[in-house]
């Protein structure tokens, strides 16, 4: 399984380095902004890499294994449980049909919705600030580990 799709190594555990690494892993073409296509690509990679049994559904256990890049900091700050609590909450909010698993469509729709909510300057792309401070999964995980 991919350890967080583009996540930095455990050694790169300072917030600024991790933030930049996450942004760069989503910004596939390196133009300094994240397009809708790039976020869709990222969402697909996260889903595929997290679906450990390949059944097309994410269980909460599978989702908790995904690390956007902050696990080393969370563990170092004794906040790994807080990070997992946030991830459980996010998982629940994405289970749109309430069946206890996430299908790819549920995950994609909710994540794309977050893209548009995070895109505060209405230029149809996400800046690093918008990704880190407004994109729900990243913002909430970052807040949980501080």
C-alpha atoms as a PDB file:
ATOM      1  CA  UNK A   1       0.000   0.000   0.000  1.00  0.00           C
ATOM      2  CA  UNK A   2       1.236   3.493  -0.731  1.00  0.00           C
ATOM      3  CA  UNK A   3       2.099   5.271   2.511  1.00  0.00           C
ATOM      4  CA  UNK A   4      -0.006   8.325   2.012  1.00  0.00           C
ATOM      5  CA  UNK A   5       0.321   8.904  -1.716  1.00  0.00           C
ATOM      6  CA  UNK A   6       3.236  11.272  -1.957  1.00  0.00           C
ATOM      7  CA  UNK A   7       3.755  11.448   1.777  1.00  0.00           C
ATOM      8  CA  UNK A   8       7.224  12.407   2.947  1.00  0.00           C
ATOM      9  CA  UNK A   9       9.384   9.901   4.757  1.00  0.00           C
ATOM     10  CA  UNK A  10       9.111   9.637   8.530  1.00  0.00           C
ATOM     11  CA  UNK A  11      12.399  11.543   8.777  1.00  0.00           C
ATOM     12  CA  UNK A  12      10.818  14.604   7.175  1.00  0.00           C
ATOM     13  CA  UNK A  13       8.729  15.343  10.210  1.00  0.00           C
ATOM     14  CA  UNK A  14       8.642  19.103  10.427  1.00  0.00           C
ATOM     15  CA  UNK A  15       5.385  20.787   9.477  1.00  0.00           C
ATOM     16  CA  UNK A  16       6.729  23.078   6.734  1.00  0.00           C
ATOM     17  CA  UNK A  17       8.561  20.276   4.949  1.00  0.00           C
ATOM     18  CA  UNK A  18       5.571  17.958   5.203  1.00  0.00           C
ATOM     19  CA  UNK A  19       3.158  20.638   3.990  1.00  0.00           C
ATOM     20  CA  UNK A  20       5.320  21.401   0.967  1.00  0.00           C
ATOM     21  CA  UNK A  21       5.753  17.710   0.189  1.00  0.00           C
ATOM     22  CA  UNK A  22       2.012  17.053   0.311  1.00  0.00           C
ATOM     23  CA  UNK A  23       1.294  20.012  -1.938  1.00  0.00           C
ATOM     24  CA  UNK A  24       3.995  18.965  -4.404  1.00  0.00           C
ATOM     25  CA  UNK A  25       2.664  15.395  -4.522  1.00  0.00           C
ATOM     26  CA  UNK A  26      -0.783  16.650  -5.544  1.00  0.00           C
ATOM     27  CA  UNK A  27       0.544  19.336  -7.928  1.00  0.00           C
ATOM     28  CA  UNK A  28       1.501  16.785 -10.565  1.00  0.00           C
ATOM     29  CA  UNK A  29       2.499  19.267 -13.281  1.00  0.00           C
ATOM     30  CA  UNK A  30       4.478  21.462 -10.857  1.00  0.00           C
ATOM     31  CA  UNK A  31       2.786  24.741 -11.803  1.00  0.00           C
ATOM     32  CA  UNK A  32       2.278  25.818  -8.180  1.00  0.00           C
ATOM     33  CA  UNK A  33      -1.478  25.236  -8.130  1.00  0.00           C
ATOM     34  CA  UNK A  34      -3.757  22.230  -7.942  1.00  0.00           C
ATOM     35  CA  UNK A  35      -6.363  21.814 -10.648  1.00  0.00           C
ATOM     36  CA  UNK A  36      -9.583  19.840 -10.464  1.00  0.00           C
ATOM     37  CA  UNK A  37      -7.938  17.123 -12.573  1.00  0.00           C
ATOM     38  CA  UNK A  38      -4.988  16.913 -10.180  1.00  0.00           C
ATOM     39  CA  UNK A  39      -7.241  16.585  -7.126  1.00  0.00           C
ATOM     40  CA  UNK A  40      -9.257  13.869  -8.892  1.00  0.00           C
ATOM     41  CA  UNK A  41      -5.994  12.051  -9.667  1.00  0.00           C
ATOM     42  CA  UNK A  42      -4.920  12.404  -6.029  1.00  0.00           C
ATOM     43  CA  UNK A  43      -8.310  11.180  -4.743  1.00  0.00           C
ATOM     44  CA  UNK A  44      -8.126   8.156  -7.041  1.00  0.00           C
ATOM     45  CA  UNK A  45      -4.604   7.294  -5.849  1.00  0.00           C
ATOM     46  CA  UNK A  46      -5.608   7.640  -2.212  1.00  0.00           C
ATOM     47  CA  UNK A  47      -8.623   5.382  -2.722  1.00  0.00           C
ATOM     48  CA  UNK A  48      -6.732   2.725  -4.670  1.00  0.00           C
ATOM     49  CA  UNK A  49      -3.765   2.698  -2.283  1.00  0.00           C
ATOM     50  CA  UNK A  50      -5.998   2.573   0.784  1.00  0.00           C
ATOM     51  CA  UNK A  51      -8.353  -0.165  -0.469  1.00  0.00           C
ATOM     52  CA  UNK A  52      -6.101  -2.924   0.889  1.00  0.00           C
ATOM     53  CA  UNK A  53      -8.296  -5.829  -0.165  1.00  0.00           C
ATOM     54  CA  UNK A  54      -9.165  -4.314  -3.550  1.00  0.00           C
ATOM     55  CA  UNK A  55     -12.909  -4.792  -3.127  1.00  0.00           C
ATOM     56  CA  UNK A  56     -13.822  -1.270  -4.236  1.00  0.00           C
ATOM     57  CA  UNK A  57     -14.929  -0.205  -0.750  1.00  0.00           C
ATOM     58  CA  UNK A  58     -12.991   1.396   2.084  1.00  0.00           C
ATOM     59  CA  UNK A  59     -13.601   0.207   5.609  1.00  0.00           C
ATOM     60  CA  UNK A  60     -12.860   2.569   8.447  1.00  0.00           C
ATOM     61  CA  UNK A  61      -9.851   0.374   9.282  1.00  0.00           C
ATOM     62  CA  UNK A  62      -8.485   0.790   5.758  1.00  0.00           C
ATOM     63  CA  UNK A  63      -9.094   4.542   5.840  1.00  0.00           C
ATOM     64  CA  UNK A  64      -7.267   4.871   9.166  1.00  0.00           C
ATOM     65  CA  UNK A  65      -4.177   3.360   7.530  1.00  0.00           C
ATOM     66  CA  UNK A  66      -3.929   6.296   5.132  1.00  0.00           C
ATOM     67  CA  UNK A  67      -1.372   8.867   6.237  1.00  0.00           C
ATOM     68  CA  UNK A  68      -1.416  12.154   4.340  1.00  0.00           C
ATOM     69  CA  UNK A  69       2.098  12.723   5.709  1.00  0.00           C
ATOM     70  CA  UNK A  70       1.588  13.788   9.293  1.00  0.00           C
ATOM     71  CA  UNK A  71       1.790  10.508  11.222  1.00  0.00           C
ATOM     72  CA  UNK A  72       5.403  10.944  12.365  1.00  0.00           C
ATOM     73  CA  UNK A  73       4.563  14.374  13.791  1.00  0.00           C
ATOM     74  CA  UNK A  74       1.365  13.077  15.378  1.00  0.00           C
ATOM     75  CA  UNK A  75       3.263  10.269  17.061  1.00  0.00           C
ATOM     76  CA  UNK A  76       6.049  12.620  18.144  1.00  0.00           C
ATOM     77  CA  UNK A  77       3.489  14.970  19.710  1.00  0.00           C
ATOM     78  CA  UNK A  78       1.544  12.068  21.248  1.00  0.00           C
ATOM     79  CA  UNK A  79      -1.417  13.025  19.014  1.00  0.00           C
ATOM     80  CA  UNK A  80      -1.819   9.917  16.848  1.00  0.00           C
ATOM     81  CA  UNK A  81      -5.105   9.049  18.583  1.00  0.00           C
ATOM     82  CA  UNK A  82      -6.388  12.583  17.893  1.00  0.00           C
ATOM     83  CA  UNK A  83      -5.409  12.240  14.241  1.00  0.00           C
ATOM     84  CA  UNK A  84      -7.293   8.944  14.012  1.00  0.00           C
ATOM     85  CA  UNK A  85     -10.357  10.456  15.707  1.00  0.00           C
ATOM     86  CA  UNK A  86     -10.435  13.160  13.026  1.00  0.00           C
ATOM     87  CA  UNK A  87      -9.988  10.586  10.271  1.00  0.00           C
ATOM     88  CA  UNK A  88     -12.872   8.519  11.721  1.00  0.00           C
ATOM     89  CA  UNK A  89     -15.078  11.618  11.706  1.00  0.00           C
ATOM     90  CA  UNK A  90     -14.115  12.454   8.121  1.00  0.00           C
ATOM     91  CA  UNK A  91     -14.777   8.846   7.111  1.00  0.00           C
ATOM     92  CA  UNK A  92     -18.256   9.045   8.629  1.00  0.00           C
ATOM     93  CA  UNK A  93     -19.043  12.302   6.853  1.00  0.00           C
ATOM     94  CA  UNK A  94     -18.061  10.741   3.515  1.00  0.00           C
ATOM     95  CA  UNK A  95     -20.243   7.651   3.986  1.00  0.00           C
ATOM     96  CA  UNK A  96     -23.080   9.331   2.129  1.00  0.00           C
ATOM     97  CA  UNK A  97     -25.326   6.276   1.943  1.00  0.00           C
ATOM     98  CA  UNK A  98     -24.715   5.298   5.578  1.00  0.00           C
ATOM     99  CA  UNK A  99     -23.751   1.683   4.875  1.00  0.00           C
ATOM    100  CA  UNK A 100     -20.541   1.770   6.938  1.00  0.00           C
ATOM    101  CA  UNK A 101     -18.172   1.606   3.954  1.00  0.00           C
ATOM    102  CA  UNK A 102     -16.954   4.140   1.431  1.00  0.00           C
ATOM    103  CA  UNK A 103     -17.423   3.395  -2.223  1.00  0.00           C
ATOM    104  CA  UNK A 104     -15.172   5.155  -4.698  1.00  0.00           C
ATOM    105  CA  UNK A 105     -18.028   7.405  -5.847  1.00  0.00           C
ATOM    106  CA  UNK A 106     -18.819   8.530  -2.287  1.00  0.00           C
ATOM    107  CA  UNK A 107     -15.176   9.267  -1.598  1.00  0.00           C
ATOM    108  CA  UNK A 108     -14.734  11.106  -4.890  1.00  0.00           C
ATOM    109  CA  UNK A 109     -17.899  13.205  -4.639  1.00  0.00           C
ATOM    110  CA  UNK A 110     -17.168  14.304  -1.073  1.00  0.00           C
ATOM    111  CA  UNK A 111     -13.512  15.045  -1.868  1.00  0.00           C
ATOM    112  CA  UNK A 112     -14.400  17.012  -4.985  1.00  0.00           C
ATOM    113  CA  UNK A 113     -16.970  18.977  -2.967  1.00  0.00           C
ATOM    114  CA  UNK A 114     -14.145  19.808  -0.547  1.00  0.00           C
ATOM    115  CA  UNK A 115     -12.053  21.017  -3.491  1.00  0.00           C
ATOM    116  CA  UNK A 116     -14.718  23.563  -4.445  1.00  0.00           C
ATOM    117  CA  UNK A 117     -15.225  24.654  -0.835  1.00  0.00           C
ATOM    118  CA  UNK A 118     -11.460  25.095  -0.386  1.00  0.00           C
ATOM    119  CA  UNK A 119     -11.114  27.077  -3.596  1.00  0.00           C
ATOM    120  CA  UNK A 120     -11.824  30.368  -1.824  1.00  0.00           C
ATOM    121  CA  UNK A 121     -10.432  32.780  -4.425  1.00  0.00           C
ATOM    122  CA  UNK A 122     -12.572  31.240  -7.216  1.00  0.00           C
ATOM    123  CA  UNK A 123      -9.748  30.718  -9.708  1.00  0.00           C
ATOM    124  CA  UNK A 124     -10.635  27.014 -10.180  1.00  0.00           C
ATOM    125  CA  UNK A 125      -7.356  25.871  -8.632  1.00  0.00           C
ATOM    126  CA  UNK A 126      -6.023  25.398  -5.115  1.00  0.00           C
ATOM    127  CA  UNK A 127      -2.999  27.278  -3.888  1.00  0.00           C
ATOM    128  CA  UNK A 128      -0.847  25.733  -1.178  1.00  0.00           C
ATOM    129  CA  UNK A 129      -2.660  27.889   1.379  1.00  0.00           C
ATOM    130  CA  UNK A 130      -6.069  26.747   0.133  1.00  0.00           C
ATOM    131  CA  UNK A 131      -5.043  23.074   0.225  1.00  0.00           C
ATOM    132  CA  UNK A 132      -3.539  23.269   3.695  1.00  0.00           C
ATOM    133  CA  UNK A 133      -6.015  25.608   5.360  1.00  0.00           C
ATOM    134  CA  UNK A 134      -9.295  24.965   3.569  1.00  0.00           C
ATOM    135  CA  UNK A 135      -9.264  21.417   2.114  1.00  0.00           C
ATOM    136  CA  UNK A 136     -11.114  19.530   4.847  1.00  0.00           C
ATOM    137  CA  UNK A 137      -9.041  16.356   5.255  1.00  0.00           C
ATOM    138  CA  UNK A 138      -5.694  18.121   5.270  1.00  0.00           C
ATOM    139  CA  UNK A 139      -6.867  21.054   7.411  1.00  0.00           C
ATOM    140  CA  UNK A 140      -8.501  18.903  10.051  1.00  0.00           C
ATOM    141  CA  UNK A 141      -5.618  16.437  10.320  1.00  0.00           C
ATOM    142  CA  UNK A 142      -3.129  19.303  10.636  1.00  0.00           C
ATOM    143  CA  UNK A 143      -5.193  20.888  13.414  1.00  0.00           C
ATOM    144  CA  UNK A 144      -5.483  17.569  15.267  1.00  0.00           C
ATOM    145  CA  UNK A 145      -1.741  17.037  15.557  1.00  0.00           C
ATOM    146  CA  UNK A 146      -0.767  20.491  16.800  1.00  0.00           C
END
